[in-house]
Amino acid sequence: MNLSEVLYTQAVPIESYGPGFFRIAGEVIEGGALIHAAGAKGWGGFEDTATVLAMKDKIDFILLGTGDAMTPVPAAFRMALQEAEIGIEPMATPSACRTYNVLVSEGRRVAAVLVPIEG
């Protein structure tokens, strides 16, 4: 079997995560996070739709990490994204982190909006 190193030439990968934090490009983000090809920043949770909506022209859809397990997406958050025509794929945060890294390594226009795991 040949193994190839994954290069993120056009994106910032999620390096690691743990209880209450994410490490992206050597920087730690405490709490929720929004990660996309150009960088990462803190996210204020489901009430913080403005941070996500600002990405509308830079992404095709978002991966929504809902924490330790997949949980329902709050209706107001889901509706705000639908009105802005932003696709959403909810899943547990660990799955969203892995899926994000795979998709950006393929050059996809995706963002990860992540609720941290608890620990």
PDB file of N, CA and C in Angstrom:
ATOM      1  N   MET A   1       0.843  -1.167   0.000  1.00  0.00           N
ATOM      2  CA  MET A   1       0.000   0.000   0.000  1.00  0.00           C
ATOM      3  C   MET A   1       0.892   1.235   0.000  1.00  0.00           C
ATOM      4  N   ASN A   2       0.565   2.183  -0.863  1.00  0.00           N
ATOM      5  CA  ASN A   2       1.266   3.464  -0.901  1.00  0.00           C
ATOM      6  C   ASN A   2       0.471   4.479  -0.101  1.00  0.00           C
ATOM      7  N   LEU A   3       1.169   5.201   0.733  1.00  0.00           N
ATOM      8  CA  LEU A   3       0.534   6.271   1.497  1.00  0.00           C
ATOM      9  C   LEU A   3       1.038   7.597   0.974  1.00  0.00           C
ATOM     10  N   SER A   4       0.137   8.522   0.796  1.00  0.00           N
ATOM     11  CA  SER A   4       0.498   9.850   0.319  1.00  0.00           C
ATOM     12  C   SER A   4       0.155  10.877   1.383  1.00  0.00           C
ATOM     13  N   GLU A   5       1.050  11.806   1.575  1.00  0.00           N
ATOM     14  CA  GLU A   5       0.779  12.892   2.510  1.00  0.00           C
ATOM     15  C   GLU A   5      -0.278  13.810   1.916  1.00  0.00           C
ATOM     16  N   VAL A   6      -1.241  14.197   2.734  1.00  0.00           N
ATOM     17  CA  VAL A   6      -2.278  15.119   2.278  1.00  0.00           C
ATOM     18  C   VAL A   6      -1.747  16.533   2.422  1.00  0.00           C
ATOM     19  N   LEU A   7      -1.803  17.276   1.331  1.00  0.00           N
ATOM     20  CA  LEU A   7      -1.355  18.669   1.346  1.00  0.00           C
ATOM     21  C   LEU A   7      -2.569  19.577   1.242  1.00  0.00           C
ATOM     22  N   TYR A   8      -2.616  20.559   2.096  1.00  0.00           N
ATOM     23  CA  TYR A   8      -3.712  21.525   2.092  1.00  0.00           C
ATOM     24  C   TYR A   8      -3.195  22.815   1.478  1.00  0.00           C
ATOM     25  N   THR A   9      -3.071  22.832   0.156  1.00  0.00           N
ATOM     26  CA  THR A   9      -2.487  23.987  -0.521  1.00  0.00           C
ATOM     27  C   THR A   9      -3.428  25.183  -0.572  1.00  0.00           C
ATOM     28  N   GLN A  10      -4.735  24.932  -0.520  1.00  0.00           N
ATOM     29  CA  GLN A  10      -5.690  26.028  -0.634  1.00  0.00           C
ATOM     30  C   GLN A  10      -6.632  26.117   0.553  1.00  0.00           C
ATOM     31  N   ALA A  11      -6.242  25.542   1.665  1.00  0.00           N
ATOM     32  CA  ALA A  11      -7.165  25.517   2.806  1.00  0.00           C
ATOM     33  C   ALA A  11      -6.415  25.400   4.116  1.00  0.00           C
ATOM     34  N   VAL A  12      -7.136  25.679   5.179  1.00  0.00           N
ATOM     35  CA  VAL A  12      -6.625  25.545   6.536  1.00  0.00           C
ATOM     36  C   VAL A  12      -7.289  24.317   7.155  1.00  0.00           C
ATOM     37  N   PRO A  13      -6.521  23.252   7.486  1.00  0.00           N
ATOM     38  CA  PRO A  13      -7.143  22.062   8.069  1.00  0.00           C
ATOM     39  C   PRO A  13      -7.374  22.204   9.573  1.00  0.00           C
ATOM     40  N   ILE A  14      -8.247  21.367  10.081  1.00  0.00           N
ATOM     41  CA  ILE A  14      -8.445  21.248  11.527  1.00  0.00           C
ATOM     42  C   ILE A  14      -7.374  20.277  12.014  1.00  0.00           C
ATOM     43  N   GLU A  15      -6.468  20.756  12.848  1.00  0.00           N
ATOM     44  CA  GLU A  15      -5.366  19.922  13.318  1.00  0.00           C
ATOM     45  C   GLU A  15      -5.784  19.005  14.460  1.00  0.00           C
ATOM     46  N   SER A  16      -6.581  19.528  15.380  1.00  0.00           N
ATOM     47  CA  SER A  16      -7.049  18.728  16.504  1.00  0.00           C
ATOM     48  C   SER A  16      -8.208  19.436  17.185  1.00  0.00           C
ATOM     49  N   TYR A  17      -8.851  18.697  18.087  1.00  0.00           N
ATOM     50  CA  TYR A  17      -9.932  19.260  18.892  1.00  0.00           C
ATOM     51  C   TYR A  17      -9.977  18.502  20.199  1.00  0.00           C
ATOM     52  N   GLY A  18     -10.586  19.095  21.182  1.00  0.00           N
ATOM     53  CA  GLY A  18     -10.725  18.461  22.480  1.00  0.00           C
ATOM     54  C   GLY A  18     -11.837  19.155  23.237  1.00  0.00           C
ATOM     55  N   PRO A  19     -11.982  18.844  24.504  1.00  0.00           N
ATOM     56  CA  PRO A  19     -13.054  19.456  25.286  1.00  0.00           C
ATOM     57  C   PRO A  19     -12.964  20.989  25.280  1.00  0.00           C
ATOM     58  N   GLY A  20     -13.892  21.615  24.576  1.00  0.00           N
ATOM     59  CA  GLY A  20     -13.984  23.067  24.582  1.00  0.00           C
ATOM     60  C   GLY A  20     -13.050  23.813  23.650  1.00  0.00           C
ATOM     61  N   PHE A  21     -12.300  23.126  22.761  1.00  0.00           N
ATOM     62  CA  PHE A  21     -11.371  23.858  21.894  1.00  0.00           C
ATOM     63  C   PHE A  21     -11.157  23.164  20.556  1.00  0.00           C
ATOM     64  N   PHE A  22     -10.604  23.951  19.615  1.00  0.00           N
ATOM     65  CA  PHE A  22     -10.175  23.463  18.301  1.00  0.00           C
ATOM     66  C   PHE A  22      -8.797  24.052  18.030  1.00  0.00           C
ATOM     67  N   ARG A  23      -7.917  23.283  17.393  1.00  0.00           N
ATOM     68  CA  ARG A  23      -6.610  23.795  16.979  1.00  0.00           C
ATOM     69  C   ARG A  23      -6.598  23.830  15.451  1.00  0.00           C
ATOM     70  N   ILE A  24      -6.438  25.036  14.918  1.00  0.00           N
ATOM     71  CA  ILE A  24      -6.430  25.258  13.485  1.00  0.00           C
ATOM     72  C   ILE A  24      -5.204  26.092  13.144  1.00  0.00           C
ATOM     73  N   ALA A  25      -4.373  25.564  12.265  1.00  0.00           N
ATOM     74  CA  ALA A  25      -3.151  26.258  11.827  1.00  0.00           C
ATOM     75  C   ALA A  25      -2.301  26.706  13.020  1.00  0.00           C
ATOM     76  N   GLY A  26      -2.205  25.864  14.026  1.00  0.00           N
ATOM     77  CA  GLY A  26      -1.378  26.159  15.186  1.00  0.00           C
ATOM     78  C   GLY A  26      -2.008  27.073  16.212  1.00  0.00           C
ATOM     79  N   GLU A  27      -3.183  27.598  15.936  1.00  0.00           N
ATOM     80  CA  GLU A  27      -3.879  28.492  16.855  1.00  0.00           C
ATOM     81  C   GLU A  27      -5.033  27.753  17.530  1.00  0.00           C
ATOM     82  N   VAL A  28      -5.255  28.053  18.790  1.00  0.00           N
ATOM     83  CA  VAL A  28      -6.349  27.427  19.532  1.00  0.00           C
ATOM     84  C   VAL A  28      -7.537  28.378  19.569  1.00  0.00           C
ATOM     85  N   ILE A  29      -8.704  27.851  19.238  1.00  0.00           N
ATOM     86  CA  ILE A  29      -9.958  28.590  19.359  1.00  0.00           C
ATOM     87  C   ILE A  29     -10.746  27.930  20.473  1.00  0.00           C
ATOM     88  N   GLU A  30     -11.049  28.694  21.499  1.00  0.00           N
ATOM     89  CA  GLU A  30     -11.853  28.204  22.621  1.00  0.00           C
ATOM     90  C   GLU A  30     -13.327  28.370  22.263  1.00  0.00           C
ATOM     91  N   GLY A  31     -14.124  27.376  22.573  1.00  0.00           N
ATOM     92  CA  GLY A  31     -15.560  27.454  22.292  1.00  0.00           C
ATOM     93  C   GLY A  31     -15.858  27.094  20.857  1.00  0.00           C
ATOM     94  N   GLY A  32     -16.989  27.579  20.355  1.00  0.00           N
ATOM     95  CA  GLY A  32     -17.409  27.293  18.989  1.00  0.00           C
ATOM     96  C   GLY A  32     -16.456  27.887  17.968  1.00  0.00           C
ATOM     97  N   ALA A  33     -16.445  27.289  16.770  1.00  0.00           N
ATOM     98  CA  ALA A  33     -15.523  27.741  15.737  1.00  0.00           C
ATOM     99  C   ALA A  33     -16.172  27.681  14.360  1.00  0.00           C
ATOM    100  N   LEU A  34     -15.754  28.606  13.507  1.00  0.00           N
ATOM    101  CA  LEU A  34     -16.104  28.619  12.090  1.00  0.00           C
ATOM    102  C   LEU A  34     -14.797  28.499  11.331  1.00  0.00           C
ATOM    103  N   ILE A  35     -14.657  27.440  10.538  1.00  0.00           N
ATOM    104  CA  ILE A  35     -13.425  27.197   9.799  1.00  0.00           C
ATOM    105  C   ILE A  35     -13.765  27.117   8.317  1.00  0.00           C
ATOM    106  N   HIS A  36     -12.966  27.792   7.513  1.00  0.00           N
ATOM    107  CA  HIS A  36     -13.142  27.753   6.063  1.00  0.00           C
ATOM    108  C   HIS A  36     -11.767  27.826   5.429  1.00  0.00           C
ATOM    109  N   ALA A  37     -11.701  27.765   4.113  1.00  0.00           N
ATOM    110  CA  ALA A  37     -10.418  27.664   3.414  1.00  0.00           C
ATOM    111  C   ALA A  37      -9.444  28.775   3.785  1.00  0.00           C
ATOM    112  N   ALA A  38      -9.933  29.968   4.015  1.00  0.00           N
ATOM    113  CA  ALA A  38      -9.049  31.109   4.268  1.00  0.00           C
ATOM    114  C   ALA A  38      -8.671  31.289   5.732  1.00  0.00           C
ATOM    115  N   GLY A  39      -9.279  30.551   6.628  1.00  0.00           N
ATOM    116  CA  GLY A  39      -8.929  30.725   8.035  1.00  0.00           C
ATOM    117  C   GLY A  39     -10.008  30.239   8.981  1.00  0.00           C
ATOM    118  N   ALA A  40      -9.902  30.686  10.207  1.00  0.00           N
ATOM    119  CA  ALA A  40     -10.833  30.256  11.241  1.00  0.00           C
ATOM    120  C   ALA A  40     -11.054  31.381  12.233  1.00  0.00           C
ATOM    121  N   LYS A  41     -12.213  31.334  12.880  1.00  0.00           N
ATOM    122  CA  LYS A  41     -12.512  32.303  13.933  1.00  0.00           C
ATOM    123  C   LYS A  41     -13.523  31.710  14.879  1.00  0.00           C
ATOM    124  N   GLY A  42     -13.708  32.365  15.981  1.00  0.00           N
ATOM    125  CA  GLY A  42     -14.685  31.923  16.954  1.00  0.00           C
ATOM    126  C   GLY A  42     -16.096  32.081  16.424  1.00  0.00           C
ATOM    127  N   TRP A  43     -16.974  31.242  16.925  1.00  0.00           N
ATOM    128  CA  TRP A  43     -18.383  31.288  16.557  1.00  0.00           C
ATOM    129  C   TRP A  43     -19.187  31.305  17.840  1.00  0.00           C
ATOM    130  N   GLY A  44     -20.169  32.185  17.927  1.00  0.00           N
ATOM    131  CA  GLY A  44     -20.926  32.397  19.152  1.00  0.00           C
ATOM    132  C   GLY A  44     -22.079  31.448  19.387  1.00  0.00           C
ATOM    133  N   GLY A  45     -22.214  30.403  18.607  1.00  0.00           N
ATOM    134  CA  GLY A  45     -23.299  29.448  18.793  1.00  0.00           C
ATOM    135  C   GLY A  45     -24.459  29.702  17.852  1.00  0.00           C
ATOM    136  N   PHE A  46     -25.520  28.973  18.046  1.00  0.00           N
ATOM    137  CA  PHE A  46     -26.638  29.004  17.104  1.00  0.00           C
ATOM    138  C   PHE A  46     -27.312  30.364  16.984  1.00  0.00           C
ATOM    139  N   GLU A  47     -27.132  31.245  17.950  1.00  0.00           N
ATOM    140  CA  GLU A  47     -27.684  32.600  17.838  1.00  0.00           C
ATOM    141  C   GLU A  47     -26.829  33.473  16.923  1.00  0.00           C
ATOM    142  N   ASP A  48     -25.614  33.054  16.636  1.00  0.00           N
ATOM    143  CA  ASP A  48     -24.656  33.830  15.831  1.00  0.00           C
ATOM    144  C   ASP A  48     -24.784  33.475  14.351  1.00  0.00           C
ATOM    145  N   THR A  49     -25.918  33.837  13.770  1.00  0.00           N
ATOM    146  CA  THR A  49     -26.117  33.540  12.356  1.00  0.00           C
ATOM    147  C   THR A  49     -25.326  34.488  11.461  1.00  0.00           C
ATOM    148  N   ALA A  50     -25.060  35.703  11.911  1.00  0.00           N
ATOM    149  CA  ALA A  50     -24.367  36.692  11.077  1.00  0.00           C
ATOM    150  C   ALA A  50     -22.981  36.209  10.650  1.00  0.00           C
ATOM    151  N   THR A  51     -22.245  35.559  11.555  1.00  0.00           N
ATOM    152  CA  THR A  51     -20.906  35.062  11.221  1.00  0.00           C
ATOM    153  C   THR A  51     -20.989  34.022  10.121  1.00  0.00           C
ATOM    154  N   VAL A  52     -21.982  33.165  10.178  1.00  0.00           N
ATOM    155  CA  VAL A  52     -22.132  32.124   9.156  1.00  0.00           C
ATOM    156  C   VAL A  52     -22.635  32.722   7.847  1.00  0.00           C
ATOM    157  N   LEU A  53     -23.612  33.617   7.916  1.00  0.00           N
ATOM    158  CA  LEU A  53     -24.171  34.215   6.709  1.00  0.00           C
ATOM    159  C   LEU A  53     -23.144  35.050   5.946  1.00  0.00           C
ATOM    160  N   ALA A  54     -22.154  35.572   6.636  1.00  0.00           N
ATOM    161  CA  ALA A  54     -21.105  36.349   5.971  1.00  0.00           C
ATOM    162  C   ALA A  54     -20.274  35.489   5.013  1.00  0.00           C
ATOM    163  N   MET A  55     -20.348  34.160   5.159  1.00  0.00           N
ATOM    164  CA  MET A  55     -19.592  33.226   4.318  1.00  0.00           C
ATOM    165  C   MET A  55     -20.325  32.876   3.024  1.00  0.00           C
ATOM    166  N   LYS A  56     -21.529  33.358   2.846  1.00  0.00           N
ATOM    167  CA  LYS A  56     -22.410  32.903   1.773  1.00  0.00           C
ATOM    168  C   LYS A  56     -21.733  32.821   0.406  1.00  0.00           C
ATOM    169  N   ASP A  57     -20.971  33.807   0.016  1.00  0.00           N
ATOM    170  CA  ASP A  57     -20.388  33.830  -1.322  1.00  0.00           C
ATOM    171  C   ASP A  57     -19.081  33.054  -1.431  1.00  0.00           C
ATOM    172  N   LYS A  58     -18.585  32.531  -0.314  1.00  0.00           N
ATOM    173  CA  LYS A  58     -17.296  31.842  -0.318  1.00  0.00           C
ATOM    174  C   LYS A  58     -17.414  30.323  -0.198  1.00  0.00           C
ATOM    175  N   ILE A  59     -18.625  29.835   0.068  1.00  0.00           N
ATOM    176  CA  ILE A  59     -18.807  28.400   0.306  1.00  0.00           C
ATOM    177  C   ILE A  59     -20.025  27.882  -0.454  1.00  0.00           C
ATOM    178  N   ASP A  60     -20.051  26.579  -0.642  1.00  0.00           N
ATOM    179  CA  ASP A  60     -21.214  25.935  -1.247  1.00  0.00           C
ATOM    180  C   ASP A  60     -22.149  25.366  -0.183  1.00  0.00           C
ATOM    181  N   PHE A  61     -21.586  24.944   0.952  1.00  0.00           N
ATOM    182  CA  PHE A  61     -22.387  24.427   2.055  1.00  0.00           C
ATOM    183  C   PHE A  61     -21.537  24.391   3.310  1.00  0.00           C
ATOM    184  N   ILE A  62     -22.213  24.149   4.445  1.00  0.00           N
ATOM    185  CA  ILE A  62     -21.479  24.034   5.705  1.00  0.00           C
ATOM    186  C   ILE A  62     -21.694  22.650   6.304  1.00  0.00           C
ATOM    187  N   LEU A  63     -20.674  22.199   6.988  1.00  0.00           N
ATOM    188  CA  LEU A  63     -20.766  21.017   7.844  1.00  0.00           C
ATOM    189  C   LEU A  63     -21.009  21.551   9.241  1.00  0.00           C
ATOM    190  N   LEU A  64     -22.074  21.138   9.856  1.00  0.00           N
ATOM    191  CA  LEU A  64     -22.428  21.632  11.185  1.00  0.00           C
ATOM    192  C   LEU A  64     -22.137  20.553  12.210  1.00  0.00           C
ATOM    193  N   GLY A  65     -21.109  20.762  13.009  1.00  0.00           N
ATOM    194  CA  GLY A  65     -20.795  19.854  14.106  1.00  0.00           C
ATOM    195  C   GLY A  65     -21.609  20.252  15.318  1.00  0.00           C
ATOM    196  N   THR A  66     -22.486  19.359  15.780  1.00  0.00           N
ATOM    197  CA  THR A  66     -23.431  19.700  16.849  1.00  0.00           C
ATOM    198  C   THR A  66     -22.962  19.292  18.238  1.00  0.00           C
ATOM    199  N   GLY A  67     -21.699  18.916  18.386  1.00  0.00           N
ATOM    200  CA  GLY A  67     -21.177  18.525  19.693  1.00  0.00           C
ATOM    201  C   GLY A  67     -20.808  17.057  19.714  1.00  0.00           C
ATOM    202  N   ASP A  68     -20.881  16.448  20.897  1.00  0.00           N
ATOM    203  CA  ASP A  68     -20.486  15.047  21.054  1.00  0.00           C
ATOM    204  C   ASP A  68     -21.321  14.087  20.208  1.00  0.00           C
ATOM    205  N   ALA A  69     -22.563  14.415  19.990  1.00  0.00           N
ATOM    206  CA  ALA A  69     -23.476  13.573  19.204  1.00  0.00           C
ATOM    207  C   ALA A  69     -24.280  14.467  18.273  1.00  0.00           C
ATOM    208  N   MET A  70     -24.817  13.862  17.238  1.00  0.00           N
ATOM    209  CA  MET A  70     -25.677  14.626  16.342  1.00  0.00           C
ATOM    210  C   MET A  70     -26.972  14.955  17.065  1.00  0.00           C
ATOM    211  N   THR A  71     -27.329  16.217  17.030  1.00  0.00           N
ATOM    212  CA  THR A  71     -28.564  16.683  17.665  1.00  0.00           C
ATOM    213  C   THR A  71     -29.345  17.511  16.654  1.00  0.00           C
ATOM    214  N   PRO A  72     -30.624  17.719  16.884  1.00  0.00           N
ATOM    215  CA  PRO A  72     -31.408  18.537  15.956  1.00  0.00           C
ATOM    216  C   PRO A  72     -30.851  19.963  15.861  1.00  0.00           C
ATOM    217  N   VAL A  73     -30.931  20.526  14.681  1.00  0.00           N
ATOM    218  CA  VAL A  73     -30.495  21.901  14.458  1.00  0.00           C
ATOM    219  C   VAL A  73     -31.633  22.828  14.873  1.00  0.00           C
ATOM    220  N   PRO A  74     -31.352  23.834  15.702  1.00  0.00           N
ATOM    221  CA  PRO A  74     -32.415  24.770  16.092  1.00  0.00           C
ATOM    222  C   PRO A  74     -33.103  25.367  14.859  1.00  0.00           C
ATOM    223  N   ALA A  75     -34.411  25.443  14.908  1.00  0.00           N
ATOM    224  CA  ALA A  75     -35.214  25.871  13.761  1.00  0.00           C
ATOM    225  C   ALA A  75     -34.807  27.249  13.241  1.00  0.00           C
ATOM    226  N   ALA A  76     -34.567  28.203  14.113  1.00  0.00           N
ATOM    227  CA  ALA A  76     -34.227  29.566  13.669  1.00  0.00           C
ATOM    228  C   ALA A  76     -32.899  29.580  12.908  1.00  0.00           C
ATOM    229  N   PHE A  77     -31.935  28.813  13.378  1.00  0.00           N
ATOM    230  CA  PHE A  77     -30.636  28.735  12.699  1.00  0.00           C
ATOM    231  C   PHE A  77     -30.798  28.075  11.332  1.00  0.00           C
ATOM    232  N   ARG A  78     -31.501  26.968  11.291  1.00  0.00           N
ATOM    233  CA  ARG A  78     -31.723  26.253  10.034  1.00  0.00           C
ATOM    234  C   ARG A  78     -32.456  27.131   9.028  1.00  0.00           C
ATOM    235  N   MET A  79     -33.486  27.830   9.482  1.00  0.00           N
ATOM    236  CA  MET A  79     -34.258  28.687   8.577  1.00  0.00           C
ATOM    237  C   MET A  79     -33.427  29.842   8.040  1.00  0.00           C
ATOM    238  N   ALA A  80     -32.582  30.455   8.880  1.00  0.00           N
ATOM    239  CA  ALA A  80     -31.719  31.555   8.422  1.00  0.00           C
ATOM    240  C   ALA A  80     -30.787  31.081   7.316  1.00  0.00           C
ATOM    241  N   LEU A  81     -30.236  29.875   7.453  1.00  0.00           N
ATOM    242  CA  LEU A  81     -29.350  29.343   6.414  1.00  0.00           C
ATOM    243  C   LEU A  81     -30.130  28.995   5.152  1.00  0.00           C
ATOM    244  N   GLN A  82     -31.310  28.429   5.307  1.00  0.00           N
ATOM    245  CA  GLN A  82     -32.128  28.095   4.143  1.00  0.00           C
ATOM    246  C   GLN A  82     -32.512  29.350   3.362  1.00  0.00           C
ATOM    247  N   GLU A  83     -32.877  30.410   4.071  1.00  0.00           N
ATOM    248  CA  GLU A  83     -33.244  31.663   3.402  1.00  0.00           C
ATOM    249  C   GLU A  83     -32.067  32.256   2.633  1.00  0.00           C
ATOM    250  N   ALA A  84     -30.854  32.038   3.135  1.00  0.00           N
ATOM    251  CA  ALA A  84     -29.647  32.532   2.465  1.00  0.00           C
ATOM    252  C   ALA A  84     -29.136  31.537   1.425  1.00  0.00           C
ATOM    253  N   GLU A  85     -29.858  30.432   1.243  1.00  0.00           N
ATOM    254  CA  GLU A  85     -29.493  29.382   0.292  1.00  0.00           C
ATOM    255  C   GLU A  85     -28.127  28.774   0.585  1.00  0.00           C
ATOM    256  N   ILE A  86     -27.851  28.581   1.874  1.00  0.00           N
ATOM    257  CA  ILE A  86     -26.632  27.901   2.311  1.00  0.00           C
ATOM    258  C   ILE A  86     -27.029  26.493   2.733  1.00  0.00           C
ATOM    259  N   GLY A  87     -26.460  25.512   2.076  1.00  0.00           N
ATOM    260  CA  GLY A  87     -26.730  24.124   2.430  1.00  0.00           C
ATOM    261  C   GLY A  87     -26.099  23.783   3.773  1.00  0.00           C
ATOM    262  N   ILE A  88     -26.705  22.868   4.504  1.00  0.00           N
ATOM    263  CA  ILE A  88     -26.223  22.504   5.830  1.00  0.00           C
ATOM    264  C   ILE A  88     -26.254  20.984   5.965  1.00  0.00           C
ATOM    265  N   GLU A  89     -25.189  20.449   6.504  1.00  0.00           N
ATOM    266  CA  GLU A  89     -25.091  19.003   6.749  1.00  0.00           C
ATOM    267  C   GLU A  89     -24.742  18.800   8.217  1.00  0.00           C
ATOM    268  N   PRO A  90     -25.738  18.538   9.068  1.00  0.00           N
ATOM    269  CA  PRO A  90     -25.452  18.351  10.498  1.00  0.00           C
ATOM    270  C   PRO A  90     -24.885  16.959  10.787  1.00  0.00           C
ATOM    271  N   MET A  91     -23.977  16.910  11.742  1.00  0.00           N
ATOM    272  CA  MET A  91     -23.377  15.654  12.213  1.00  0.00           C
ATOM    273  C   MET A  91     -22.665  15.938  13.518  1.00  0.00           C
ATOM    274  N   ALA A  92     -22.225  14.902  14.204  1.00  0.00           N
ATOM    275  CA  ALA A  92     -21.453  15.093  15.428  1.00  0.00           C
ATOM    276  C   ALA A  92     -20.158  15.830  15.076  1.00  0.00           C
ATOM    277  N   THR A  93     -19.654  16.623  16.006  1.00  0.00           N
ATOM    278  CA  THR A  93     -18.458  17.428  15.751  1.00  0.00           C
ATOM    279  C   THR A  93     -17.248  16.605  15.311  1.00  0.00           C
ATOM    280  N   PRO A  94     -16.934  15.462  15.943  1.00  0.00           N
ATOM    281  CA  PRO A  94     -15.780  14.692  15.445  1.00  0.00           C
ATOM    282  C   PRO A  94     -15.921  14.295  13.976  1.00  0.00           C
ATOM    283  N   SER A  95     -17.116  13.911  13.564  1.00  0.00           N
ATOM    284  CA  SER A  95     -17.354  13.556  12.164  1.00  0.00           C
ATOM    285  C   SER A  95     -17.225  14.772  11.265  1.00  0.00           C
ATOM    286  N   ALA A  96     -17.718  15.915  11.717  1.00  0.00           N
ATOM    287  CA  ALA A  96     -17.623  17.142  10.923  1.00  0.00           C
ATOM    288  C   ALA A  96     -16.167  17.550  10.720  1.00  0.00           C
ATOM    289  N   CYS A  97     -15.333  17.397  11.741  1.00  0.00           N
ATOM    290  CA  CYS A  97     -13.911  17.738  11.623  1.00  0.00           C
ATOM    291  C   CYS A  97     -13.229  16.860  10.576  1.00  0.00           C
ATOM    292  N   ARG A  98     -13.460  15.562  10.647  1.00  0.00           N
ATOM    293  CA  ARG A  98     -12.839  14.643   9.685  1.00  0.00           C
ATOM    294  C   ARG A  98     -13.342  14.908   8.271  1.00  0.00           C
ATOM    295  N   THR A  99     -14.647  15.083   8.126  1.00  0.00           N
ATOM    296  CA  THR A  99     -15.231  15.311   6.809  1.00  0.00           C
ATOM    297  C   THR A  99     -14.727  16.617   6.213  1.00  0.00           C
ATOM    298  N   TYR A 100     -14.638  17.661   7.032  1.00  0.00           N
ATOM    299  CA  TYR A 100     -14.119  18.946   6.566  1.00  0.00           C
ATOM    300  C   TYR A 100     -12.712  18.774   5.993  1.00  0.00           C
ATOM    301  N   ASN A 101     -11.831  18.104   6.727  1.00  0.00           N
ATOM    302  CA  ASN A 101     -10.451  17.944   6.257  1.00  0.00           C
ATOM    303  C   ASN A 101     -10.390  17.194   4.928  1.00  0.00           C
ATOM    304  N   VAL A 102     -11.212  16.177   4.764  1.00  0.00           N
ATOM    305  CA  VAL A 102     -11.233  15.441   3.498  1.00  0.00           C
ATOM    306  C   VAL A 102     -11.709  16.350   2.365  1.00  0.00           C
ATOM    307  N   LEU A 103     -12.801  17.059   2.593  1.00  0.00           N
ATOM    308  CA  LEU A 103     -13.369  17.888   1.528  1.00  0.00           C
ATOM    309  C   LEU A 103     -12.459  19.043   1.125  1.00  0.00           C
ATOM    310  N   VAL A 104     -11.827  19.708   2.082  1.00  0.00           N
ATOM    311  CA  VAL A 104     -10.944  20.815   1.699  1.00  0.00           C
ATOM    312  C   VAL A 104      -9.674  20.301   1.026  1.00  0.00           C
ATOM    313  N   SER A 105      -9.244  19.080   1.352  1.00  0.00           N
ATOM    314  CA  SER A 105      -8.080  18.518   0.667  1.00  0.00           C
ATOM    315  C   SER A 105      -8.400  18.258  -0.805  1.00  0.00           C
ATOM    316  N   GLU A 106      -9.682  18.115  -1.112  1.00  0.00           N
ATOM    317  CA  GLU A 106     -10.135  17.934  -2.492  1.00  0.00           C
ATOM    318  C   GLU A 106     -10.439  19.265  -3.180  1.00  0.00           C
ATOM    319  N   GLY A 107     -10.256  20.367  -2.460  1.00  0.00           N
ATOM    320  CA  GLY A 107     -10.505  21.688  -3.044  1.00  0.00           C
ATOM    321  C   GLY A 107     -11.948  22.133  -3.000  1.00  0.00           C
ATOM    322  N   ARG A 108     -12.770  21.496  -2.199  1.00  0.00           N
ATOM    323  CA  ARG A 108     -14.190  21.854  -2.120  1.00  0.00           C
ATOM    324  C   ARG A 108     -14.385  23.157  -1.355  1.00  0.00           C
ATOM    325  N   ARG A 109     -15.415  23.903  -1.729  1.00  0.00           N
ATOM    326  CA  ARG A 109     -15.761  25.173  -1.067  1.00  0.00           C
ATOM    327  C   ARG A 109     -16.725  24.893   0.079  1.00  0.00           C
ATOM    328  N   VAL A 110     -16.162  24.536   1.224  1.00  0.00           N
ATOM    329  CA  VAL A 110     -16.977  24.133   2.358  1.00  0.00           C
ATOM    330  C   VAL A 110     -16.460  24.849   3.603  1.00  0.00           C
ATOM    331  N   ALA A 111     -17.342  25.024   4.559  1.00  0.00           N
ATOM    332  CA  ALA A 111     -16.961  25.560   5.877  1.00  0.00           C
ATOM    333  C   ALA A 111     -17.458  24.582   6.936  1.00  0.00           C
ATOM    334  N   ALA A 112     -16.795  24.588   8.064  1.00  0.00           N
ATOM    335  CA  ALA A 112     -17.233  23.810   9.228  1.00  0.00           C
ATOM    336  C   ALA A 112     -17.643  24.796  10.310  1.00  0.00           C
ATOM    337  N   VAL A 113     -18.829  24.624  10.813  1.00  0.00           N
ATOM    338  CA  VAL A 113     -19.345  25.413  11.928  1.00  0.00           C
ATOM    339  C   VAL A 113     -19.505  24.422  13.067  1.00  0.00           C
ATOM    340  N   LEU A 114     -18.718  24.613  14.133  1.00  0.00           N
ATOM    341  CA  LEU A 114     -18.545  23.555  15.119  1.00  0.00           C
ATOM    342  C   LEU A 114     -18.883  23.953  16.545  1.00  0.00           C
ATOM    343  N   VAL A 115     -19.721  23.163  17.176  1.00  0.00           N
ATOM    344  CA  VAL A 115     -19.947  23.226  18.622  1.00  0.00           C
ATOM    345  C   VAL A 115     -18.879  22.323  19.225  1.00  0.00           C
ATOM    346  N   PRO A 116     -18.147  22.779  20.242  1.00  0.00           N
ATOM    347  CA  PRO A 116     -17.085  21.926  20.798  1.00  0.00           C
ATOM    348  C   PRO A 116     -17.648  20.700  21.514  1.00  0.00           C
ATOM    349  N   ILE A 117     -16.814  19.659  21.583  1.00  0.00           N
ATOM    350  CA  ILE A 117     -17.189  18.498  22.376  1.00  0.00           C
ATOM    351  C   ILE A 117     -17.011  18.842  23.850  1.00  0.00           C
ATOM    352  N   GLU A 118     -17.645  18.073  24.702  1.00  0.00           N
ATOM    353  CA  GLU A 118     -17.590  18.387  26.131  1.00  0.00           C
ATOM    354  C   GLU A 118     -16.430  17.733  26.850  1.00  0.00           C
ATOM    355  N   GLY A 119     -16.195  16.520  26.667  1.00  0.00           N
ATOM    356  CA  GLY A 119     -15.040  15.918  27.319  1.00  0.00           C
ATOM    357  C   GLY A 119     -15.422  14.866  28.223  1.00  0.00           C
TER     358      GLY A 119
END
